[in-house]
C-alpha cells in the first residue's frame, strides 16, 4: 500500500508505516475529515471529496478546506491513496 504523508511530505509504504504515521500525527494534530462527494473513476479508482478541518491540540485551526482523496483498488483492497485539490 502507498499512502501520502500529507503532514510531513512524501509517501508511506505498507500498513505498518501508515499506522505509525497516524499515531505520530494524532499526537500533534486533531484532523476531522468528512466525505462530501464520491466519484467512481476508471481503472479501479474512487475519488472522494472531503471537508478537512485540521486543528492543533490547543484547538487552533491549521487548515479548513475541501480536497480530493483518490483511492486505487486492487483485489478489493486499497493499493494507493493520493491527495489533490
PDB file of N, CA and C in Angstrom:
ATOM      1  N   UNK A   1       0.839  -1.170   0.000  1.00  0.00           N
ATOM      2  CA  UNK A   1       0.000   0.000   0.000  1.00  0.00           C
ATOM      3  C   UNK A   1       0.891   1.242   0.000  1.00  0.00           C
ATOM      4  N   UNK A   2       0.523   2.224  -0.817  1.00  0.00           N
ATOM      5  CA  UNK A   2       1.202   3.513  -0.859  1.00  0.00           C
ATOM      6  C   UNK A   2       0.233   4.570  -0.339  1.00  0.00           C
ATOM      7  N   UNK A   3       0.683   5.387   0.608  1.00  0.00           N
ATOM      8  CA  UNK A   3      -0.180   6.344   1.283  1.00  0.00           C
ATOM      9  C   UNK A   3       0.553   7.680   1.406  1.00  0.00           C
ATOM     10  N   UNK A   4      -0.109   8.788   1.048  1.00  0.00           N
ATOM     11  CA  UNK A   4       0.587  10.068   1.139  1.00  0.00           C
ATOM     12  C   UNK A   4       0.787  10.515   2.583  1.00  0.00           C
ATOM     13  N   UNK A   5       1.928  11.089   2.833  1.00  0.00           N
ATOM     14  CA  UNK A   5       2.209  11.701   4.125  1.00  0.00           C
ATOM     15  C   UNK A   5       1.872  13.184   3.963  1.00  0.00           C
ATOM     16  N   UNK A   6       0.587  13.506   4.111  1.00  0.00           N
ATOM     17  CA  UNK A   6       0.116  14.856   3.890  1.00  0.00           C
ATOM     18  C   UNK A   6       0.640  15.855   4.906  1.00  0.00           C
ATOM     19  N   UNK A   7       1.145  15.388   5.992  1.00  0.00           N
ATOM     20  CA  UNK A   7       1.621  16.246   7.076  1.00  0.00           C
ATOM     21  C   UNK A   7       3.097  16.593   6.912  1.00  0.00           C
ATOM     22  N   UNK A   8       3.907  15.573   6.643  1.00  0.00           N
ATOM     23  CA  UNK A   8       5.355  15.763   6.586  1.00  0.00           C
ATOM     24  C   UNK A   8       5.922  15.703   5.168  1.00  0.00           C
ATOM     25  N   UNK A   9       5.103  15.235   4.213  1.00  0.00           N
ATOM     26  CA  UNK A   9       5.538  15.124   2.825  1.00  0.00           C
ATOM     27  C   UNK A   9       5.971  13.718   2.462  1.00  0.00           C
ATOM     28  N   UNK A  10       5.952  13.431   1.186  1.00  0.00           N
ATOM     29  CA  UNK A  10       6.373  12.129   0.677  1.00  0.00           C
ATOM     30  C   UNK A  10       5.272  11.084   0.745  1.00  0.00           C
ATOM     31  N   UNK A  11       5.673   9.835   0.597  1.00  0.00           N
ATOM     32  CA  UNK A  11       4.744   8.704   0.634  1.00  0.00           C
ATOM     33  C   UNK A  11       5.199   7.678   1.649  1.00  0.00           C
ATOM     34  N   UNK A  12       4.227   6.973   2.206  1.00  0.00           N
ATOM     35  CA  UNK A  12       4.486   5.867   3.120  1.00  0.00           C
ATOM     36  C   UNK A  12       4.199   4.574   2.368  1.00  0.00           C
ATOM     37  N   UNK A  13       4.905   3.522   2.733  1.00  0.00           N
ATOM     38  CA  UNK A  13       4.736   2.240   2.044  1.00  0.00           C
ATOM     39  C   UNK A  13       4.490   1.145   3.072  1.00  0.00           C
ATOM     40  N   UNK A  14       3.308   0.533   2.978  1.00  0.00           N
ATOM     41  CA  UNK A  14       2.964  -0.572   3.859  1.00  0.00           C
ATOM     42  C   UNK A  14       2.095  -0.157   5.031  1.00  0.00           C
ATOM     43  N   UNK A  15       1.339  -1.116   5.529  1.00  0.00           N
ATOM     44  CA  UNK A  15       0.385  -0.879   6.620  1.00  0.00           C
ATOM     45  C   UNK A  15       1.055  -0.398   7.901  1.00  0.00           C
ATOM     46  N   UNK A  16       2.188  -0.960   8.252  1.00  0.00           N
ATOM     47  CA  UNK A  16       2.873  -0.556   9.487  1.00  0.00           C
ATOM     48  C   UNK A  16       3.304   0.903   9.416  1.00  0.00           C
ATOM     49  N   UNK A  17       3.808   1.337   8.273  1.00  0.00           N
ATOM     50  CA  UNK A  17       4.248   2.727   8.119  1.00  0.00           C
ATOM     51  C   UNK A  17       3.063   3.685   8.223  1.00  0.00           C
ATOM     52  N   UNK A  18       1.923   3.306   7.643  1.00  0.00           N
ATOM     53  CA  UNK A  18       0.724   4.150   7.708  1.00  0.00           C
ATOM     54  C   UNK A  18       0.226   4.240   9.150  1.00  0.00           C
ATOM     55  N   UNK A  19       0.170   3.134   9.842  1.00  0.00           N
ATOM     56  CA  UNK A  19      -0.273   3.130  11.232  1.00  0.00           C
ATOM     57  C   UNK A  19       0.632   4.006  12.102  1.00  0.00           C
ATOM     58  N   UNK A  20       1.949   3.854  11.945  1.00  0.00           N
ATOM     59  CA  UNK A  20       2.895   4.664  12.712  1.00  0.00           C
ATOM     60  C   UNK A  20       2.709   6.150  12.417  1.00  0.00           C
ATOM     61  N   UNK A  21       2.480   6.485  11.152  1.00  0.00           N
ATOM     62  CA  UNK A  21       2.237   7.885  10.753  1.00  0.00           C
ATOM     63  C   UNK A  21       0.996   8.430  11.442  1.00  0.00           C
ATOM     64  N   UNK A  22      -0.099   7.676  11.427  1.00  0.00           N
ATOM     65  CA  UNK A  22      -1.333   8.147  12.058  1.00  0.00           C
ATOM     66  C   UNK A  22      -1.130   8.378  13.553  1.00  0.00           C
ATOM     67  N   UNK A  23      -0.486   7.445  14.233  1.00  0.00           N
ATOM     68  CA  UNK A  23      -0.240   7.625  15.669  1.00  0.00           C
ATOM     69  C   UNK A  23       0.609   8.866  15.932  1.00  0.00           C
ATOM     70  N   UNK A  24       1.638   9.076  15.127  1.00  0.00           N
ATOM     71  CA  UNK A  24       2.516  10.240  15.265  1.00  0.00           C
ATOM     72  C   UNK A  24       1.722  11.532  15.003  1.00  0.00           C
ATOM     73  N   UNK A  25       0.898  11.508  13.959  1.00  0.00           N
ATOM     74  CA  UNK A  25       0.106  12.673  13.593  1.00  0.00           C
ATOM     75  C   UNK A  25      -0.888  13.034  14.701  1.00  0.00           C
ATOM     76  N   UNK A  26      -1.575  12.041  15.235  1.00  0.00           N
ATOM     77  CA  UNK A  26      -2.605  12.308  16.243  1.00  0.00           C
ATOM     78  C   UNK A  26      -2.022  12.805  17.563  1.00  0.00           C
ATOM     79  N   UNK A  27      -0.731  12.648  17.769  1.00  0.00           N
ATOM     80  CA  UNK A  27      -0.083  13.220  18.957  1.00  0.00           C
ATOM     81  C   UNK A  27       0.132  14.721  18.798  1.00  0.00           C
ATOM     82  N   UNK A  28       0.033  15.228  17.556  1.00  0.00           N
ATOM     83  CA  UNK A  28       0.298  16.636  17.265  1.00  0.00           C
ATOM     84  C   UNK A  28      -0.925  17.382  16.712  1.00  0.00           C
ATOM     85  N   UNK A  29      -1.787  16.674  16.003  1.00  0.00           N
ATOM     86  CA  UNK A  29      -2.894  17.305  15.282  1.00  0.00           C
ATOM     87  C   UNK A  29      -4.228  16.653  15.607  1.00  0.00           C
ATOM     88  N   UNK A  30      -5.298  17.410  15.362  1.00  0.00           N
ATOM     89  CA  UNK A  30      -6.653  16.895  15.509  1.00  0.00           C
ATOM     90  C   UNK A  30      -7.367  17.068  14.168  1.00  0.00           C
ATOM     91  N   UNK A  31      -7.183  16.101  13.239  1.00  0.00           N
ATOM     92  CA  UNK A  31      -7.825  16.219  11.935  1.00  0.00           C
ATOM     93  C   UNK A  31      -9.250  15.648  11.964  1.00  0.00           C
ATOM     94  N   UNK A  32     -10.162  16.377  11.330  1.00  0.00           N
ATOM     95  CA  UNK A  32     -11.524  15.887  11.145  1.00  0.00           C
ATOM     96  C   UNK A  32     -11.771  15.888   9.641  1.00  0.00           C
ATOM     97  N   UNK A  33     -11.990  14.711   9.065  1.00  0.00           N
ATOM     98  CA  UNK A  33     -12.140  14.577   7.619  1.00  0.00           C
ATOM     99  C   UNK A  33     -13.494  13.932   7.345  1.00  0.00           C
ATOM    100  N   UNK A  34     -14.372  14.667   6.660  1.00  0.00           N
ATOM    101  CA  UNK A  34     -15.718  14.175   6.366  1.00  0.00           C
ATOM    102  C   UNK A  34     -15.944  14.127   4.862  1.00  0.00           C
ATOM    103  N   UNK A  35     -16.384  12.976   4.342  1.00  0.00           N
ATOM    104  CA  UNK A  35     -16.674  12.880   2.909  1.00  0.00           C
ATOM    105  C   UNK A  35     -17.852  13.769   2.525  1.00  0.00           C
ATOM    106  N   UNK A  36     -17.724  14.434   1.366  1.00  0.00           N
ATOM    107  CA  UNK A  36     -18.811  15.274   0.866  1.00  0.00           C
ATOM    108  C   UNK A  36     -19.245  14.869  -0.535  1.00  0.00           C
ATOM    109  N   UNK A  37     -18.421  14.060  -1.240  1.00  0.00           N
ATOM    110  CA  UNK A  37     -18.798  13.597  -2.580  1.00  0.00           C
ATOM    111  C   UNK A  37     -18.001  12.346  -2.934  1.00  0.00           C
ATOM    112  N   UNK A  38     -18.555  11.589  -3.881  1.00  0.00           N
ATOM    113  CA  UNK A  38     -17.918  10.361  -4.353  1.00  0.00           C
ATOM    114  C   UNK A  38     -18.018  10.323  -5.874  1.00  0.00           C
ATOM    115  N   UNK A  39     -16.936   9.915  -6.538  1.00  0.00           N
ATOM    116  CA  UNK A  39     -16.929   9.796  -7.990  1.00  0.00           C
ATOM    117  C   UNK A  39     -16.135   8.559  -8.368  1.00  0.00           C
ATOM    118  N   UNK A  40     -16.808   7.613  -9.022  1.00  0.00           N
ATOM    119  CA  UNK A  40     -16.110   6.411  -9.483  1.00  0.00           C
ATOM    120  C   UNK A  40     -15.357   6.759 -10.754  1.00  0.00           C
ATOM    121  N   UNK A  41     -14.064   6.464 -10.777  1.00  0.00           N
ATOM    122  CA  UNK A  41     -13.197   6.736 -11.915  1.00  0.00           C
ATOM    123  C   UNK A  41     -12.805   5.424 -12.585  1.00  0.00           C
ATOM    124  N   UNK A  42     -12.286   5.494 -13.817  1.00  0.00           N
ATOM    125  CA  UNK A  42     -11.814   4.272 -14.480  1.00  0.00           C
ATOM    126  C   UNK A  42     -10.637   3.646 -13.717  1.00  0.00           C
ATOM    127  N   UNK A  43     -10.294   2.442 -14.102  1.00  0.00           N
ATOM    128  CA  UNK A  43      -9.116   1.746 -13.578  1.00  0.00           C
ATOM    129  C   UNK A  43      -9.168   1.505 -12.072  1.00  0.00           C
ATOM    130  N   UNK A  44     -10.338   1.175 -11.553  1.00  0.00           N
ATOM    131  CA  UNK A  44     -10.491   0.807 -10.149  1.00  0.00           C
ATOM    132  C   UNK A  44     -10.115   1.941  -9.200  1.00  0.00           C
ATOM    133  N   UNK A  45     -10.515   3.152  -9.545  1.00  0.00           N
ATOM    134  CA  UNK A  45     -10.234   4.307  -8.689  1.00  0.00           C
ATOM    135  C   UNK A  45     -11.528   4.925  -8.191  1.00  0.00           C
ATOM    136  N   UNK A  46     -11.455   5.489  -7.004  1.00  0.00           N
ATOM    137  CA  UNK A  46     -12.576   6.197  -6.396  1.00  0.00           C
ATOM    138  C   UNK A  46     -12.057   7.535  -5.882  1.00  0.00           C
ATOM    139  N   UNK A  47     -12.715   8.610  -6.323  1.00  0.00           N
ATOM    140  CA  UNK A  47     -12.347   9.945  -5.858  1.00  0.00           C
ATOM    141  C   UNK A  47     -13.363  10.400  -4.813  1.00  0.00           C
ATOM    142  N   UNK A  48     -12.869  10.777  -3.653  1.00  0.00           N
ATOM    143  CA  UNK A  48     -13.731  11.213  -2.562  1.00  0.00           C
ATOM    144  C   UNK A  48     -13.388  12.667  -2.244  1.00  0.00           C
ATOM    145  N   UNK A  49     -14.385  13.539  -2.382  1.00  0.00           N
ATOM    146  CA  UNK A  49     -14.212  14.908  -1.940  1.00  0.00           C
ATOM    147  C   UNK A  49     -14.411  14.936  -0.438  1.00  0.00           C
ATOM    148  N   UNK A  50     -13.491  15.559   0.282  1.00  0.00           N
ATOM    149  CA  UNK A  50     -13.590  15.584   1.743  1.00  0.00           C
ATOM    150  C   UNK A  50     -13.454  17.018   2.257  1.00  0.00           C
ATOM    151  N   UNK A  51     -14.238  17.314   3.283  1.00  0.00           N
ATOM    152  CA  UNK A  51     -14.027  18.558   4.022  1.00  0.00           C
ATOM    153  C   UNK A  51     -13.044  18.212   5.127  1.00  0.00           C
ATOM    154  N   UNK A  52     -11.912  18.878   5.115  1.00  0.00           N
ATOM    155  CA  UNK A  52     -10.837  18.569   6.054  1.00  0.00           C
ATOM    156  C   UNK A  52     -10.584  19.779   6.952  1.00  0.00           C
ATOM    157  N   UNK A  53     -10.827  19.578   8.224  1.00  0.00           N
ATOM    158  CA  UNK A  53     -10.567  20.603   9.239  1.00  0.00           C
ATOM    159  C   UNK A  53      -9.457  20.066  10.132  1.00  0.00           C
ATOM    160  N   UNK A  54      -8.336  20.767  10.148  1.00  0.00           N
ATOM    161  CA  UNK A  54      -7.188  20.326  10.941  1.00  0.00           C
ATOM    162  C   UNK A  54      -6.899  21.379  11.999  1.00  0.00           C
ATOM    163  N   UNK A  55      -6.857  20.930  13.256  1.00  0.00           N
ATOM    164  CA  UNK A  55      -6.533  21.812  14.377  1.00  0.00           C
ATOM    165  C   UNK A  55      -5.309  21.255  15.102  1.00  0.00           C
ATOM    166  N   UNK A  56      -4.597  22.146  15.777  1.00  0.00           N
ATOM    167  CA  UNK A  56      -3.552  21.646  16.662  1.00  0.00           C
ATOM    168  C   UNK A  56      -4.223  21.219  17.969  1.00  0.00           C
ATOM    169  N   UNK A  57      -3.463  20.691  18.892  1.00  0.00           N
ATOM    170  CA  UNK A  57      -4.056  20.172  20.116  1.00  0.00           C
ATOM    171  C   UNK A  57      -4.542  21.264  21.062  1.00  0.00           C
ATOM    172  N   UNK A  58      -4.232  22.526  20.748  1.00  0.00           N
ATOM    173  CA  UNK A  58      -4.769  23.655  21.506  1.00  0.00           C
ATOM    174  C   UNK A  58      -6.120  24.103  20.943  1.00  0.00           C
ATOM    175  N   UNK A  59      -6.537  23.479  19.821  1.00  0.00           N
ATOM    176  CA  UNK A  59      -7.811  23.821  19.198  1.00  0.00           C
ATOM    177  C   UNK A  59      -7.718  24.903  18.140  1.00  0.00           C
ATOM    178  N   UNK A  60      -6.512  25.357  17.839  1.00  0.00           N
ATOM    179  CA  UNK A  60      -6.326  26.387  16.819  1.00  0.00           C
ATOM    180  C   UNK A  60      -6.396  25.765  15.424  1.00  0.00           C
ATOM    181  N   UNK A  61      -7.135  26.406  14.511  1.00  0.00           N
ATOM    182  CA  UNK A  61      -7.300  25.882  13.152  1.00  0.00           C
ATOM    183  C   UNK A  61      -6.009  26.073  12.363  1.00  0.00           C
ATOM    184  N   UNK A  62      -5.527  24.975  11.802  1.00  0.00           N
ATOM    185  CA  UNK A  62      -4.347  24.995  10.938  1.00  0.00           C
ATOM    186  C   UNK A  62      -4.784  25.085   9.478  1.00  0.00           C
ATOM    187  N   UNK A  63      -5.825  24.314   9.125  1.00  0.00           N
ATOM    188  CA  UNK A  63      -6.376  24.392   7.772  1.00  0.00           C
ATOM    189  C   UNK A  63      -7.839  23.975   7.799  1.00  0.00           C
ATOM    190  N   UNK A  64      -8.581  24.524   6.857  1.00  0.00           N
ATOM    191  CA  UNK A  64     -10.011  24.232   6.708  1.00  0.00           C
ATOM    192  C   UNK A  64     -10.303  24.302   5.217  1.00  0.00           C
ATOM    193  N   UNK A  65     -10.426  23.145   4.570  1.00  0.00           N
ATOM    194  CA  UNK A  65     -10.575  23.140   3.115  1.00  0.00           C
ATOM    195  C   UNK A  65     -11.299  21.890   2.638  1.00  0.00           C
ATOM    196  N   UNK A  66     -11.715  21.945   1.382  1.00  0.00           N
ATOM    197  CA  UNK A  66     -12.261  20.774   0.705  1.00  0.00           C
ATOM    198  C   UNK A  66     -11.209  20.315  -0.283  1.00  0.00           C
ATOM    199  N   UNK A  67     -10.829  19.051  -0.182  1.00  0.00           N
ATOM    200  CA  UNK A  67      -9.815  18.474  -1.064  1.00  0.00           C
ATOM    201  C   UNK A  67     -10.313  17.137  -1.591  1.00  0.00           C
ATOM    202  N   UNK A  68      -9.550  16.545  -2.496  1.00  0.00           N
ATOM    203  CA  UNK A  68      -9.913  15.249  -3.085  1.00  0.00           C
ATOM    204  C   UNK A  68      -8.926  14.186  -2.632  1.00  0.00           C
ATOM    205  N   UNK A  69      -9.459  13.069  -2.220  1.00  0.00           N
ATOM    206  CA  UNK A  69      -8.673  11.869  -1.946  1.00  0.00           C
ATOM    207  C   UNK A  69      -9.017  10.871  -3.042  1.00  0.00           C
ATOM    208  N   UNK A  70      -8.014  10.361  -3.732  1.00  0.00           N
ATOM    209  CA  UNK A  70      -8.248   9.375  -4.784  1.00  0.00           C
ATOM    210  C   UNK A  70      -7.635   8.054  -4.348  1.00  0.00           C
ATOM    211  N   UNK A  71      -8.471   7.027  -4.348  1.00  0.00           N
ATOM    212  CA  UNK A  71      -8.060   5.690  -3.914  1.00  0.00           C
ATOM    213  C   UNK A  71      -8.001   4.766  -5.121  1.00  0.00           C
ATOM    214  N   UNK A  72      -6.920   4.016  -5.231  1.00  0.00           N
ATOM    215  CA  UNK A  72      -6.777   2.982  -6.249  1.00  0.00           C
ATOM    216  C   UNK A  72      -6.908   1.632  -5.558  1.00  0.00           C
ATOM    217  N   UNK A  73      -7.760   0.776  -6.118  1.00  0.00           N
ATOM    218  CA  UNK A  73      -8.030  -0.528  -5.509  1.00  0.00           C
ATOM    219  C   UNK A  73      -7.397  -1.646  -6.318  1.00  0.00           C
ATOM    220  N   UNK A  74      -7.024  -2.691  -5.605  1.00  0.00           N
ATOM    221  CA  UNK A  74      -6.532  -3.920  -6.222  1.00  0.00           C
ATOM    222  C   UNK A  74      -7.046  -5.087  -5.393  1.00  0.00           C
ATOM    223  N   UNK A  75      -7.823  -5.951  -6.012  1.00  0.00           N
ATOM    224  CA  UNK A  75      -8.417  -7.107  -5.332  1.00  0.00           C
ATOM    225  C   UNK A  75      -9.213  -6.667  -4.099  1.00  0.00           C
ATOM    226  N   UNK A  76     -10.025  -5.605  -4.273  1.00  0.00           N
ATOM    227  CA  UNK A  76     -10.920  -5.078  -3.235  1.00  0.00           C
ATOM    228  C   UNK A  76     -10.206  -4.452  -2.038  1.00  0.00           C
ATOM    229  N   UNK A  77      -8.912  -4.202  -2.150  1.00  0.00           N
ATOM    230  CA  UNK A  77      -8.157  -3.535  -1.093  1.00  0.00           C
ATOM    231  C   UNK A  77      -7.563  -2.240  -1.637  1.00  0.00           C
ATOM    232  N   UNK A  78      -7.365  -1.265  -0.767  1.00  0.00           N
ATOM    233  CA  UNK A  78      -6.733  -0.023  -1.204  1.00  0.00           C
ATOM    234  C   UNK A  78      -5.257  -0.281  -1.473  1.00  0.00           C
ATOM    235  N   UNK A  79      -4.859   0.018  -2.686  1.00  0.00           N
ATOM    236  CA  UNK A  79      -3.460  -0.134  -3.076  1.00  0.00           C
ATOM    237  C   UNK A  79      -2.707   1.188  -2.929  1.00  0.00           C
ATOM    238  N   UNK A  80      -3.423   2.318  -3.216  1.00  0.00           N
ATOM    239  CA  UNK A  80      -2.757   3.621  -3.178  1.00  0.00           C
ATOM    240  C   UNK A  80      -3.781   4.699  -2.885  1.00  0.00           C
ATOM    241  N   UNK A  81      -3.357   5.722  -2.153  1.00  0.00           N
ATOM    242  CA  UNK A  81      -4.172   6.906  -1.926  1.00  0.00           C
ATOM    243  C   UNK A  81      -3.376   8.114  -2.399  1.00  0.00           C
ATOM    244  N   UNK A  82      -4.081   9.062  -3.032  1.00  0.00           N
ATOM    245  CA  UNK A  82      -3.455  10.303  -3.484  1.00  0.00           C
ATOM    246  C   UNK A  82      -4.280  11.472  -2.948  1.00  0.00           C
ATOM    247  N   UNK A  83      -3.605  12.572  -2.650  1.00  0.00           N
ATOM    248  CA  UNK A  83      -4.267  13.791  -2.188  1.00  0.00           C
ATOM    249  C   UNK A  83      -4.143  14.838  -3.288  1.00  0.00           C
ATOM    250  N   UNK A  84      -5.288  15.465  -3.628  1.00  0.00           N
ATOM    251  CA  UNK A  84      -5.284  16.514  -4.639  1.00  0.00           C
ATOM    252  C   UNK A  84      -6.226  17.633  -4.262  1.00  0.00           C
ATOM    253  N   UNK A  85      -6.172  18.691  -5.035  1.00  0.00           N
ATOM    254  CA  UNK A  85      -7.045  19.830  -4.748  1.00  0.00           C
ATOM    255  C   UNK A  85      -8.270  19.823  -5.649  1.00  0.00           C
TER     256      UNK A  85
END
